[in-house]
Amino acid sequence: MITTYSDFRLKLKSYLDDVFKNQNPLFVTRTKGENVVVLSQSDYDSIMETFYLLKSPKNASRLLSAIEEYNQGLGKEQKMLEK
């Protein structure tokens, strides 16, 4: 979804409700200045967690290997340990 800064100001509540409800970012264009992207907090948190997990090359490699194994049907279901 894309809107102008002026329209965003006029319909702020509606746009923020749409961002939250549809889990889609809103791109706000500005005539003078850099454009802005509005995200729900859950989307932002998810992106930041992904960045954190992939920041370490060793961890990124391990995660990508695990995903590949899962896609090849090599994953095993395990029960969670209870405390």
N, C-alpha and C. Protein backbone atom coordinates (compact mmCIF):
# COMPACT_ATOMS: atom_id res chain seq x y z
N MET A 1 0.84 -1.15 0.00
CA MET A 1 0.00 0.00 0.00
C MET A 1 0.91 1.24 0.00
N ILE A 2 0.55 2.24 -0.77
CA ILE A 2 1.33 3.47 -0.89
C ILE A 2 0.39 4.66 -0.75
N THR A 3 0.84 5.67 -0.03
CA THR A 3 0.07 6.90 0.08
C THR A 3 1.02 8.08 0.20
N THR A 4 0.46 9.26 0.10
CA THR A 4 1.26 10.47 0.27
C THR A 4 1.24 10.86 1.75
N TYR A 5 2.19 11.68 2.14
CA TYR A 5 2.27 12.16 3.51
C TYR A 5 1.00 12.91 3.90
N SER A 6 0.51 13.77 3.00
CA SER A 6 -0.70 14.55 3.28
C SER A 6 -1.90 13.65 3.51
N ASP A 7 -2.08 12.65 2.64
CA ASP A 7 -3.20 11.73 2.78
C ASP A 7 -3.04 10.89 4.05
N PHE A 8 -1.83 10.51 4.37
CA PHE A 8 -1.55 9.75 5.59
C PHE A 8 -2.00 10.53 6.82
N ARG A 9 -1.67 11.80 6.86
CA ARG A 9 -2.08 12.65 8.00
C ARG A 9 -3.60 12.73 8.10
N LEU A 10 -4.28 12.85 6.96
CA LEU A 10 -5.73 12.99 6.97
C LEU A 10 -6.44 11.72 7.44
N LYS A 11 -5.87 10.58 7.08
CA LYS A 11 -6.53 9.29 7.36
C LYS A 11 -5.67 8.39 8.25
N LEU A 12 -4.97 8.99 9.20
CA LEU A 12 -4.01 8.27 10.04
C LEU A 12 -4.60 7.01 10.68
N LYS A 13 -5.72 7.15 11.38
CA LYS A 13 -6.30 5.99 12.06
C LYS A 13 -6.64 4.87 11.09
N SER A 14 -7.25 5.21 9.99
CA SER A 14 -7.62 4.21 8.99
C SER A 14 -6.40 3.47 8.44
N TYR A 15 -5.35 4.23 8.12
CA TYR A 15 -4.13 3.61 7.59
C TYR A 15 -3.48 2.70 8.63
N LEU A 16 -3.39 3.17 9.87
CA LEU A 16 -2.77 2.36 10.91
C LEU A 16 -3.58 1.10 11.19
N ASP A 17 -4.90 1.21 11.16
CA ASP A 17 -5.76 0.02 11.32
C ASP A 17 -5.50 -0.98 10.20
N ASP A 18 -5.37 -0.49 8.97
CA ASP A 18 -5.10 -1.38 7.82
C ASP A 18 -3.75 -2.07 7.94
N VAL A 19 -2.74 -1.33 8.37
CA VAL A 19 -1.40 -1.92 8.54
C VAL A 19 -1.47 -3.06 9.54
N PHE A 20 -2.14 -2.83 10.66
CA PHE A 20 -2.25 -3.85 11.70
C PHE A 20 -3.10 -5.04 11.24
N LYS A 21 -4.24 -4.75 10.67
CA LYS A 21 -5.20 -5.79 10.27
C LYS A 21 -4.65 -6.68 9.15
N ASN A 22 -4.05 -6.08 8.15
CA ASN A 22 -3.61 -6.83 6.97
C ASN A 22 -2.16 -7.28 7.03
N GLN A 23 -1.43 -6.86 8.07
CA GLN A 23 -0.01 -7.21 8.21
C GLN A 23 0.79 -6.86 6.95
N ASN A 24 0.44 -5.73 6.31
CA ASN A 24 1.16 -5.23 5.14
C ASN A 24 1.75 -3.88 5.46
N PRO A 25 2.98 -3.62 5.01
CA PRO A 25 3.58 -2.31 5.27
C PRO A 25 2.88 -1.22 4.46
N LEU A 26 2.97 -0.01 4.95
CA LEU A 26 2.44 1.16 4.27
C LEU A 26 3.61 2.05 3.89
N PHE A 27 3.75 2.37 2.63
CA PHE A 27 4.81 3.26 2.15
C PHE A 27 4.24 4.66 2.04
N VAL A 28 4.85 5.59 2.77
CA VAL A 28 4.39 6.98 2.79
C VAL A 28 5.42 7.81 2.03
N THR A 29 4.98 8.39 0.91
CA THR A 29 5.89 9.19 0.09
C THR A 29 5.86 10.64 0.54
N ARG A 30 7.03 11.26 0.46
CA ARG A 30 7.15 12.66 0.87
C ARG A 30 7.79 13.44 -0.26
N THR A 31 7.29 14.63 -0.51
CA THR A 31 7.83 15.48 -1.58
C THR A 31 9.24 15.92 -1.25
N LYS A 32 9.43 16.37 -0.03
CA LYS A 32 10.75 16.83 0.40
C LYS A 32 11.19 15.95 1.56
N GLY A 33 12.14 15.12 1.32
CA GLY A 33 12.61 14.23 2.37
C GLY A 33 12.46 12.78 1.98
N GLU A 34 13.03 11.93 2.80
CA GLU A 34 13.02 10.50 2.52
C GLU A 34 11.65 9.90 2.80
N ASN A 35 11.26 8.91 2.02
CA ASN A 35 9.99 8.22 2.23
C ASN A 35 10.05 7.41 3.52
N VAL A 36 8.89 7.01 4.02
CA VAL A 36 8.78 6.30 5.29
C VAL A 36 7.97 5.03 5.08
N VAL A 37 8.31 3.99 5.84
CA VAL A 37 7.54 2.74 5.82
C VAL A 37 6.95 2.54 7.20
N VAL A 38 5.64 2.26 7.26
CA VAL A 38 4.95 2.01 8.52
C VAL A 38 4.67 0.51 8.60
N LEU A 39 5.09 -0.11 9.72
CA LEU A 39 4.89 -1.54 9.95
C LEU A 39 4.18 -1.76 11.27
N SER A 40 3.51 -2.90 11.40
CA SER A 40 2.99 -3.28 12.71
C SER A 40 4.18 -3.67 13.58
N GLN A 41 4.00 -3.61 14.90
CA GLN A 41 5.10 -3.97 15.78
C GLN A 41 5.46 -5.44 15.62
N SER A 42 4.48 -6.31 15.40
CA SER A 42 4.79 -7.73 15.24
C SER A 42 5.64 -7.97 13.99
N ASP A 43 5.37 -7.25 12.91
CA ASP A 43 6.20 -7.38 11.71
C ASP A 43 7.61 -6.86 11.97
N TYR A 44 7.71 -5.72 12.65
CA TYR A 44 9.01 -5.15 12.98
C TYR A 44 9.81 -6.12 13.86
N ASP A 45 9.17 -6.66 14.91
CA ASP A 45 9.84 -7.60 15.80
C ASP A 45 10.33 -8.83 15.05
N SER A 46 9.52 -9.32 14.12
CA SER A 46 9.89 -10.49 13.32
C SER A 46 11.12 -10.20 12.46
N ILE A 47 11.14 -9.04 11.83
CA ILE A 47 12.29 -8.65 11.00
C ILE A 47 13.55 -8.53 11.85
N MET A 48 13.42 -7.90 13.01
CA MET A 48 14.59 -7.73 13.88
C MET A 48 15.10 -9.07 14.40
N GLU A 49 14.20 -9.99 14.71
CA GLU A 49 14.62 -11.32 15.16
C GLU A 49 15.36 -12.06 14.04
N THR A 50 14.84 -11.95 12.81
CA THR A 50 15.52 -12.58 11.67
C THR A 50 16.90 -11.99 11.47
N PHE A 51 17.03 -10.66 11.53
CA PHE A 51 18.35 -10.03 11.41
C PHE A 51 19.30 -10.55 12.49
N TYR A 52 18.79 -10.65 13.72
CA TYR A 52 19.64 -11.11 14.82
C TYR A 52 20.11 -12.54 14.58
N LEU A 53 19.20 -13.41 14.17
CA LEU A 53 19.56 -14.81 13.96
C LEU A 53 20.52 -15.00 12.79
N LEU A 54 20.43 -14.14 11.78
CA LEU A 54 21.29 -14.29 10.60
C LEU A 54 22.56 -13.45 10.69
N LYS A 55 22.69 -12.67 11.75
CA LYS A 55 23.86 -11.78 11.90
C LYS A 55 25.16 -12.58 11.98
N SER A 56 25.13 -13.69 12.66
CA SER A 56 26.30 -14.55 12.79
C SER A 56 26.36 -15.48 11.58
N PRO A 57 27.44 -15.44 10.80
CA PRO A 57 27.54 -16.34 9.64
C PRO A 57 27.41 -17.82 10.02
N LYS A 58 27.97 -18.19 11.18
CA LYS A 58 27.91 -19.59 11.61
C LYS A 58 26.46 -19.98 11.92
N ASN A 59 25.74 -19.12 12.63
CA ASN A 59 24.34 -19.40 12.95
C ASN A 59 23.48 -19.41 11.68
N ALA A 60 23.73 -18.46 10.77
CA ALA A 60 22.98 -18.41 9.51
C ALA A 60 23.16 -19.70 8.73
N SER A 61 24.39 -20.18 8.66
CA SER A 61 24.67 -21.42 7.95
C SER A 61 23.95 -22.60 8.59
N ARG A 62 23.97 -22.66 9.92
CA ARG A 62 23.30 -23.73 10.63
C ARG A 62 21.79 -23.71 10.39
N LEU A 63 21.20 -22.51 10.42
CA LEU A 63 19.76 -22.39 10.19
C LEU A 63 19.38 -22.78 8.76
N LEU A 64 20.16 -22.32 7.79
CA LEU A 64 19.87 -22.65 6.39
C LEU A 64 20.02 -24.14 6.14
N SER A 65 21.00 -24.79 6.79
CA SER A 65 21.16 -26.24 6.66
C SER A 65 19.95 -26.97 7.25
N ALA A 66 19.47 -26.49 8.39
CA ALA A 66 18.31 -27.11 9.02
C ALA A 66 17.06 -26.97 8.15
N ILE A 67 16.90 -25.81 7.53
CA ILE A 67 15.76 -25.60 6.63
C ILE A 67 15.85 -26.54 5.43
N GLU A 68 17.04 -26.69 4.88
CA GLU A 68 17.24 -27.60 3.74
C GLU A 68 16.93 -29.04 4.14
N GLU A 69 17.39 -29.46 5.30
CA GLU A 69 17.08 -30.82 5.78
C GLU A 69 15.57 -31.01 5.93
N TYR A 70 14.91 -30.01 6.48
CA TYR A 70 13.45 -30.09 6.65
C TYR A 70 12.76 -30.20 5.29
N ASN A 71 13.19 -29.40 4.33
CA ASN A 71 12.60 -29.42 2.98
C ASN A 71 12.83 -30.76 2.28
N GLN A 72 13.87 -31.47 2.67
CA GLN A 72 14.15 -32.79 2.08
C GLN A 72 13.42 -33.90 2.83
N GLY A 73 12.60 -33.52 3.80
CA GLY A 73 11.83 -34.51 4.56
C GLY A 73 12.61 -35.19 5.66
N LEU A 74 13.74 -34.62 6.05
CA LEU A 74 14.58 -35.24 7.06
C LEU A 74 14.28 -34.77 8.49
N GLY A 75 13.27 -33.93 8.64
CA GLY A 75 12.93 -33.42 9.96
C GLY A 75 12.22 -34.47 10.80
N LYS A 76 12.40 -34.38 12.11
CA LYS A 76 11.76 -35.32 13.02
C LYS A 76 10.96 -34.52 14.05
N GLU A 77 9.75 -34.97 14.30
CA GLU A 77 8.92 -34.33 15.32
C GLU A 77 9.39 -34.77 16.69
N GLN A 78 9.53 -33.81 17.60
CA GLN A 78 9.95 -34.13 18.97
C GLN A 78 9.01 -33.44 19.95
N LYS A 79 8.82 -34.09 21.09
CA LYS A 79 7.98 -33.50 22.12
C LYS A 79 8.81 -32.53 22.95
N MET A 80 8.15 -31.47 23.40
CA MET A 80 8.81 -30.50 24.26
C MET A 80 8.94 -31.08 25.66
N LEU A 81 10.06 -30.78 26.31
CA LEU A 81 10.26 -31.20 27.68
C LEU A 81 9.48 -30.26 28.59
N GLU A 82 8.84 -30.81 29.57
CA GLU A 82 8.09 -30.00 30.52
C GLU A 82 8.91 -29.82 31.78
N LYS A 83 8.80 -28.65 32.37
CA LYS A 83 9.53 -28.38 33.63
C LYS A 83 8.74 -28.83 34.81
